[in-house]
Amino acid sequence: MESICEPCNPEPPVLKAVVETVELVNEHWWHLPERDVVAGKVLGWIDENVKAMTPILNSCAEK
């Protein structure tokens, strides 16, 4: 018996959603007014992680 999921390939839509989410994060994160209330050390940690993960997640577009 064939699984109901075998005919579908969810990977392309998932990868597209990842790339779109990364674009939205980079479009908005750096300008959010809430950044002013986050402790500098925490904000620096988040910023570094966003910068580090962006190219990795954008590589999903190449698949």
PDB file of N, CA and C in Angstrom:
ATOM      1  N   MET A   1       0.831  -1.182   0.000  1.00  0.00           N
ATOM      2  CA  MET A   1       0.000   0.000   0.000  1.00  0.00           C
ATOM      3  C   MET A   1       0.878   1.249   0.000  1.00  0.00           C
ATOM      4  N   GLU A   2       0.544   2.207  -0.817  1.00  0.00           N
ATOM      5  CA  GLU A   2       1.322   3.438  -0.957  1.00  0.00           C
ATOM      6  C   GLU A   2       0.956   4.420   0.159  1.00  0.00           C
ATOM      7  N   SER A   3       1.956   5.016   0.743  1.00  0.00           N
ATOM      8  CA  SER A   3       1.722   6.025   1.769  1.00  0.00           C
ATOM      9  C   SER A   3       1.095   7.257   1.125  1.00  0.00           C
ATOM     10  N   ILE A   4       0.230   7.939   1.848  1.00  0.00           N
ATOM     11  CA  ILE A   4      -0.389   9.135   1.279  1.00  0.00           C
ATOM     12  C   ILE A   4       0.617  10.268   1.108  1.00  0.00           C
ATOM     13  N   CYS A   5       1.772  10.188   1.769  1.00  0.00           N
ATOM     14  CA  CYS A   5       2.773  11.244   1.655  1.00  0.00           C
ATOM     15  C   CYS A   5       3.789  10.984   0.547  1.00  0.00           C
ATOM     16  N   GLU A   6       3.854   9.778   0.035  1.00  0.00           N
ATOM     17  CA  GLU A   6       4.855   9.479  -0.985  1.00  0.00           C
ATOM     18  C   GLU A   6       4.740  10.361  -2.224  1.00  0.00           C
ATOM     19  N   PRO A   7       3.533  10.624  -2.742  1.00  0.00           N
ATOM     20  CA  PRO A   7       3.464  11.424  -3.956  1.00  0.00           C
ATOM     21  C   PRO A   7       3.850  12.890  -3.750  1.00  0.00           C
ATOM     22  N   CYS A   8       3.728  13.388  -2.530  1.00  0.00           N
ATOM     23  CA  CYS A   8       4.037  14.799  -2.316  1.00  0.00           C
ATOM     24  C   CYS A   8       5.495  14.964  -1.897  1.00  0.00           C
ATOM     25  N   ASN A   9       6.046  16.093  -2.278  1.00  0.00           N
ATOM     26  CA  ASN A   9       7.411  16.421  -1.897  1.00  0.00           C
ATOM     27  C   ASN A   9       7.358  17.766  -1.182  1.00  0.00           C
ATOM     28  N   PRO A  10       7.306  17.767   0.138  1.00  0.00           N
ATOM     29  CA  PRO A  10       7.167  19.039   0.856  1.00  0.00           C
ATOM     30  C   PRO A  10       8.441  19.883   0.869  1.00  0.00           C
ATOM     31  N   GLU A  11       9.550  19.321   0.428  1.00  0.00           N
ATOM     32  CA  GLU A  11      10.808  20.051   0.563  1.00  0.00           C
ATOM     33  C   GLU A  11      10.831  21.402  -0.153  1.00  0.00           C
ATOM     34  N   PRO A  12      10.468  21.507  -1.436  1.00  0.00           N
ATOM     35  CA  PRO A  12      10.542  22.825  -2.087  1.00  0.00           C
ATOM     36  C   PRO A  12       9.725  23.915  -1.385  1.00  0.00           C
ATOM     37  N   PRO A  13       8.480  23.652  -0.985  1.00  0.00           N
ATOM     38  CA  PRO A  13       7.751  24.708  -0.269  1.00  0.00           C
ATOM     39  C   PRO A  13       8.381  25.072   1.076  1.00  0.00           C
ATOM     40  N   VAL A  14       8.934  24.084   1.754  1.00  0.00           N
ATOM     41  CA  VAL A  14       9.576  24.349   3.045  1.00  0.00           C
ATOM     42  C   VAL A  14      10.820  25.211   2.836  1.00  0.00           C
ATOM     43  N   LEU A  15      11.628  24.880   1.857  1.00  0.00           N
ATOM     44  CA  LEU A  15      12.834  25.660   1.574  1.00  0.00           C
ATOM     45  C   LEU A  15      12.469  27.084   1.162  1.00  0.00           C
ATOM     46  N   LYS A  16      11.418  27.230   0.379  1.00  0.00           N
ATOM     47  CA  LYS A  16      10.960  28.561  -0.034  1.00  0.00           C
ATOM     48  C   LYS A  16      10.533  29.360   1.195  1.00  0.00           C
ATOM     49  N   ALA A  17       9.809  28.737   2.103  1.00  0.00           N
ATOM     50  CA  ALA A  17       9.365  29.414   3.324  1.00  0.00           C
ATOM     51  C   ALA A  17      10.552  29.842   4.178  1.00  0.00           C
ATOM     52  N   VAL A  18      11.578  29.017   4.247  1.00  0.00           N
ATOM     53  CA  VAL A  18      12.780  29.367   5.017  1.00  0.00           C
ATOM     54  C   VAL A  18      13.429  30.615   4.431  1.00  0.00           C
ATOM     55  N   VAL A  19      13.606  30.635   3.123  1.00  0.00           N
ATOM     56  CA  VAL A  19      14.243  31.779   2.460  1.00  0.00           C
ATOM     57  C   VAL A  19      13.402  33.043   2.647  1.00  0.00           C
ATOM     58  N   GLU A  20      12.093  32.922   2.505  1.00  0.00           N
ATOM     59  CA  GLU A  20      11.209  34.080   2.691  1.00  0.00           C
ATOM     60  C   GLU A  20      11.278  34.597   4.132  1.00  0.00           C
ATOM     61  N   THR A  21      11.356  33.692   5.088  1.00  0.00           N
ATOM     62  CA  THR A  21      11.439  34.090   6.494  1.00  0.00           C
ATOM     63  C   THR A  21      12.754  34.811   6.779  1.00  0.00           C
ATOM     64  N   VAL A  22      13.844  34.317   6.221  1.00  0.00           N
ATOM     65  CA  VAL A  22      15.146  34.974   6.389  1.00  0.00           C
ATOM     66  C   VAL A  22      15.095  36.384   5.816  1.00  0.00           C
ATOM     67  N   GLU A  23      14.487  36.532   4.648  1.00  0.00           N
ATOM     68  CA  GLU A  23      14.371  37.862   4.042  1.00  0.00           C
ATOM     69  C   GLU A  23      13.588  38.812   4.948  1.00  0.00           C
ATOM     70  N   LEU A  24      12.484  38.318   5.509  1.00  0.00           N
ATOM     71  CA  LEU A  24      11.678  39.157   6.398  1.00  0.00           C
ATOM     72  C   LEU A  24      12.429  39.531   7.667  1.00  0.00           C
ATOM     73  N   VAL A  25      13.158  38.572   8.226  1.00  0.00           N
ATOM     74  CA  VAL A  25      13.948  38.861   9.427  1.00  0.00           C
ATOM     75  C   VAL A  25      14.962  39.954   9.129  1.00  0.00           C
ATOM     76  N   ASN A  26      15.688  39.809   8.033  1.00  0.00           N
ATOM     77  CA  ASN A  26      16.702  40.814   7.705  1.00  0.00           C
ATOM     78  C   ASN A  26      16.091  42.153   7.320  1.00  0.00           C
ATOM     79  N   GLU A  27      14.916  42.135   6.778  1.00  0.00           N
ATOM     80  CA  GLU A  27      14.235  43.373   6.405  1.00  0.00           C
ATOM     81  C   GLU A  27      13.771  44.151   7.634  1.00  0.00           C
ATOM     82  N   HIS A  28      13.370  43.434   8.687  1.00  0.00           N
ATOM     83  CA  HIS A  28      12.760  44.096   9.841  1.00  0.00           C
ATOM     84  C   HIS A  28      13.606  44.107  11.106  1.00  0.00           C
ATOM     85  N   TRP A  29      14.390  43.075  11.360  1.00  0.00           N
ATOM     86  CA  TRP A  29      15.083  42.930  12.638  1.00  0.00           C
ATOM     87  C   TRP A  29      15.936  44.141  12.988  1.00  0.00           C
ATOM     88  N   TRP A  30      16.675  44.626  12.037  1.00  0.00           N
ATOM     89  CA  TRP A  30      17.657  45.672  12.311  1.00  0.00           C
ATOM     90  C   TRP A  30      17.020  47.022  12.617  1.00  0.00           C
ATOM     91  N   HIS A  31      15.710  47.167  12.368  1.00  0.00           N
ATOM     92  CA  HIS A  31      15.039  48.458  12.546  1.00  0.00           C
ATOM     93  C   HIS A  31      13.921  48.413  13.583  1.00  0.00           C
ATOM     94  N   LEU A  32      13.759  47.316  14.272  1.00  0.00           N
ATOM     95  CA  LEU A  32      12.686  47.206  15.262  1.00  0.00           C
ATOM     96  C   LEU A  32      12.930  48.143  16.439  1.00  0.00           C
ATOM     97  N   PRO A  33      11.901  48.885  16.857  1.00  0.00           N
ATOM     98  CA  PRO A  33      12.079  49.768  18.012  1.00  0.00           C
ATOM     99  C   PRO A  33      12.333  48.979  19.303  1.00  0.00           C
ATOM    100  N   GLU A  34      11.890  47.743  19.339  1.00  0.00           N
ATOM    101  CA  GLU A  34      12.106  46.900  20.521  1.00  0.00           C
ATOM    102  C   GLU A  34      13.584  46.645  20.790  1.00  0.00           C
ATOM    103  N   ARG A  35      14.416  46.828  19.790  1.00  0.00           N
ATOM    104  CA  ARG A  35      15.863  46.629  19.991  1.00  0.00           C
ATOM    105  C   ARG A  35      16.400  47.539  21.094  1.00  0.00           C
ATOM    106  N   ASP A  36      15.748  48.696  21.276  1.00  0.00           N
ATOM    107  CA  ASP A  36      16.205  49.667  22.270  1.00  0.00           C
ATOM    108  C   ASP A  36      16.036  49.181  23.710  1.00  0.00           C
ATOM    109  N   VAL A  37      15.159  48.213  23.929  1.00  0.00           N
ATOM    110  CA  VAL A  37      14.910  47.761  25.295  1.00  0.00           C
ATOM    111  C   VAL A  37      15.592  46.427  25.623  1.00  0.00           C
ATOM    112  N   VAL A  38      16.296  45.860  24.644  1.00  0.00           N
ATOM    113  CA  VAL A  38      17.004  44.598  24.861  1.00  0.00           C
ATOM    114  C   VAL A  38      18.414  44.932  25.364  1.00  0.00           C
ATOM    115  N   ALA A  39      18.847  44.228  26.383  1.00  0.00           N
ATOM    116  CA  ALA A  39      20.186  44.453  26.934  1.00  0.00           C
ATOM    117  C   ALA A  39      21.242  44.311  25.835  1.00  0.00           C
ATOM    118  N   GLY A  40      22.237  45.173  25.880  1.00  0.00           N
ATOM    119  CA  GLY A  40      23.268  45.203  24.843  1.00  0.00           C
ATOM    120  C   GLY A  40      23.937  43.863  24.593  1.00  0.00           C
ATOM    121  N   LYS A  41      24.252  43.153  25.656  1.00  0.00           N
ATOM    122  CA  LYS A  41      24.915  41.857  25.515  1.00  0.00           C
ATOM    123  C   LYS A  41      24.000  40.859  24.810  1.00  0.00           C
ATOM    124  N   VAL A  42      22.726  40.872  25.177  1.00  0.00           N
ATOM    125  CA  VAL A  42      21.753  39.965  24.556  1.00  0.00           C
ATOM    126  C   VAL A  42      21.538  40.360  23.097  1.00  0.00           C
ATOM    127  N   LEU A  43      21.393  41.655  22.856  1.00  0.00           N
ATOM    128  CA  LEU A  43      21.192  42.134  21.491  1.00  0.00           C
ATOM    129  C   LEU A  43      22.382  41.766  20.609  1.00  0.00           C
ATOM    130  N   GLY A  44      23.577  41.907  21.123  1.00  0.00           N
ATOM    131  CA  GLY A  44      24.773  41.528  20.362  1.00  0.00           C
ATOM    132  C   GLY A  44      24.777  40.044  20.036  1.00  0.00           C
ATOM    133  N   TRP A  45      24.366  39.224  20.997  1.00  0.00           N
ATOM    134  CA  TRP A  45      24.306  37.775  20.776  1.00  0.00           C
ATOM    135  C   TRP A  45      23.290  37.432  19.688  1.00  0.00           C
ATOM    136  N   ILE A  46      22.109  38.060  19.760  1.00  0.00           N
ATOM    137  CA  ILE A  46      21.078  37.810  18.749  1.00  0.00           C
ATOM    138  C   ILE A  46      21.567  38.278  17.380  1.00  0.00           C
ATOM    139  N   ASP A  47      22.135  39.480  17.326  1.00  0.00           N
ATOM    140  CA  ASP A  47      22.627  40.020  16.042  1.00  0.00           C
ATOM    141  C   ASP A  47      23.663  39.096  15.413  1.00  0.00           C
ATOM    142  N   GLU A  48      24.598  38.617  16.222  1.00  0.00           N
ATOM    143  CA  GLU A  48      25.632  37.722  15.687  1.00  0.00           C
ATOM    144  C   GLU A  48      25.027  36.426  15.158  1.00  0.00           C
ATOM    145  N   ASN A  49      24.032  35.914  15.845  1.00  0.00           N
ATOM    146  CA  ASN A  49      23.386  34.686  15.396  1.00  0.00           C
ATOM    147  C   ASN A  49      22.585  34.914  14.112  1.00  0.00           C
ATOM    148  N   VAL A  50      21.908  36.046  14.021  1.00  0.00           N
ATOM    149  CA  VAL A  50      21.179  36.370  12.787  1.00  0.00           C
ATOM    150  C   VAL A  50      22.173  36.476  11.628  1.00  0.00           C
ATOM    151  N   LYS A  51      23.287  37.166  11.859  1.00  0.00           N
ATOM    152  CA  LYS A  51      24.304  37.319  10.808  1.00  0.00           C
ATOM    153  C   LYS A  51      24.906  35.968  10.409  1.00  0.00           C
ATOM    154  N   ALA A  52      25.137  35.110  11.383  1.00  0.00           N
ATOM    155  CA  ALA A  52      25.750  33.809  11.100  1.00  0.00           C
ATOM    156  C   ALA A  52      24.788  32.869  10.385  1.00  0.00           C
ATOM    157  N   MET A  53      23.519  32.904  10.765  1.00  0.00           N
ATOM    158  CA  MET A  53      22.539  31.961  10.205  1.00  0.00           C
ATOM    159  C   MET A  53      21.994  32.392   8.847  1.00  0.00           C
ATOM    160  N   THR A  54      22.042  33.684   8.540  1.00  0.00           N
ATOM    161  CA  THR A  54      21.463  34.167   7.286  1.00  0.00           C
ATOM    162  C   THR A  54      22.051  33.472   6.062  1.00  0.00           C
ATOM    163  N   PRO A  55      23.374  33.415   5.883  1.00  0.00           N
ATOM    164  CA  PRO A  55      23.897  32.751   4.693  1.00  0.00           C
ATOM    165  C   PRO A  55      23.601  31.256   4.671  1.00  0.00           C
ATOM    166  N   ILE A  56      23.589  30.652   5.844  1.00  0.00           N
ATOM    167  CA  ILE A  56      23.302  29.216   5.906  1.00  0.00           C
ATOM    168  C   ILE A  56      21.873  28.956   5.457  1.00  0.00           C
ATOM    169  N   LEU A  57      20.937  29.728   6.000  1.00  0.00           N
ATOM    170  CA  LEU A  57      19.538  29.521   5.642  1.00  0.00           C
ATOM    171  C   LEU A  57      19.251  29.959   4.208  1.00  0.00           C
ATOM    172  N   ASN A  58      19.943  31.004   3.736  1.00  0.00           N
ATOM    173  CA  ASN A  58      19.749  31.427   2.345  1.00  0.00           C
ATOM    174  C   ASN A  58      20.254  30.369   1.362  1.00  0.00           C
ATOM    175  N   SER A  59      21.131  29.494   1.803  1.00  0.00           N
ATOM    176  CA  SER A  59      21.616  28.451   0.913  1.00  0.00           C
ATOM    177  C   SER A  59      20.485  27.492   0.538  1.00  0.00           C
ATOM    178  N   CYS A  60      19.375  27.540   1.270  1.00  0.00           N
ATOM    179  CA  CYS A  60      18.206  26.733   0.917  1.00  0.00           C
ATOM    180  C   CYS A  60      17.676  27.111  -0.457  1.00  0.00           C
ATOM    181  N   ALA A  61      17.899  28.354  -0.861  1.00  0.00           N
ATOM    182  CA  ALA A  61      17.422  28.799  -2.172  1.00  0.00           C
ATOM    183  C   ALA A  61      18.166  28.107  -3.300  1.00  0.00           C
ATOM    184  N   GLU A  62      19.347  27.617  -3.010  1.00  0.00           N
ATOM    185  CA  GLU A  62      20.167  26.982  -4.042  1.00  0.00           C
ATOM    186  C   GLU A  62      19.792  25.526  -4.260  1.00  0.00           C
ATOM    187  N   LYS A  63      18.912  24.982  -3.420  1.00  0.00           N
ATOM    188  CA  LYS A  63      18.560  23.556  -3.524  1.00  0.00           C
ATOM    189  C   LYS A  63      17.424  23.351  -4.486  1.00  0.00           C
TER     190      LYS A  63
END
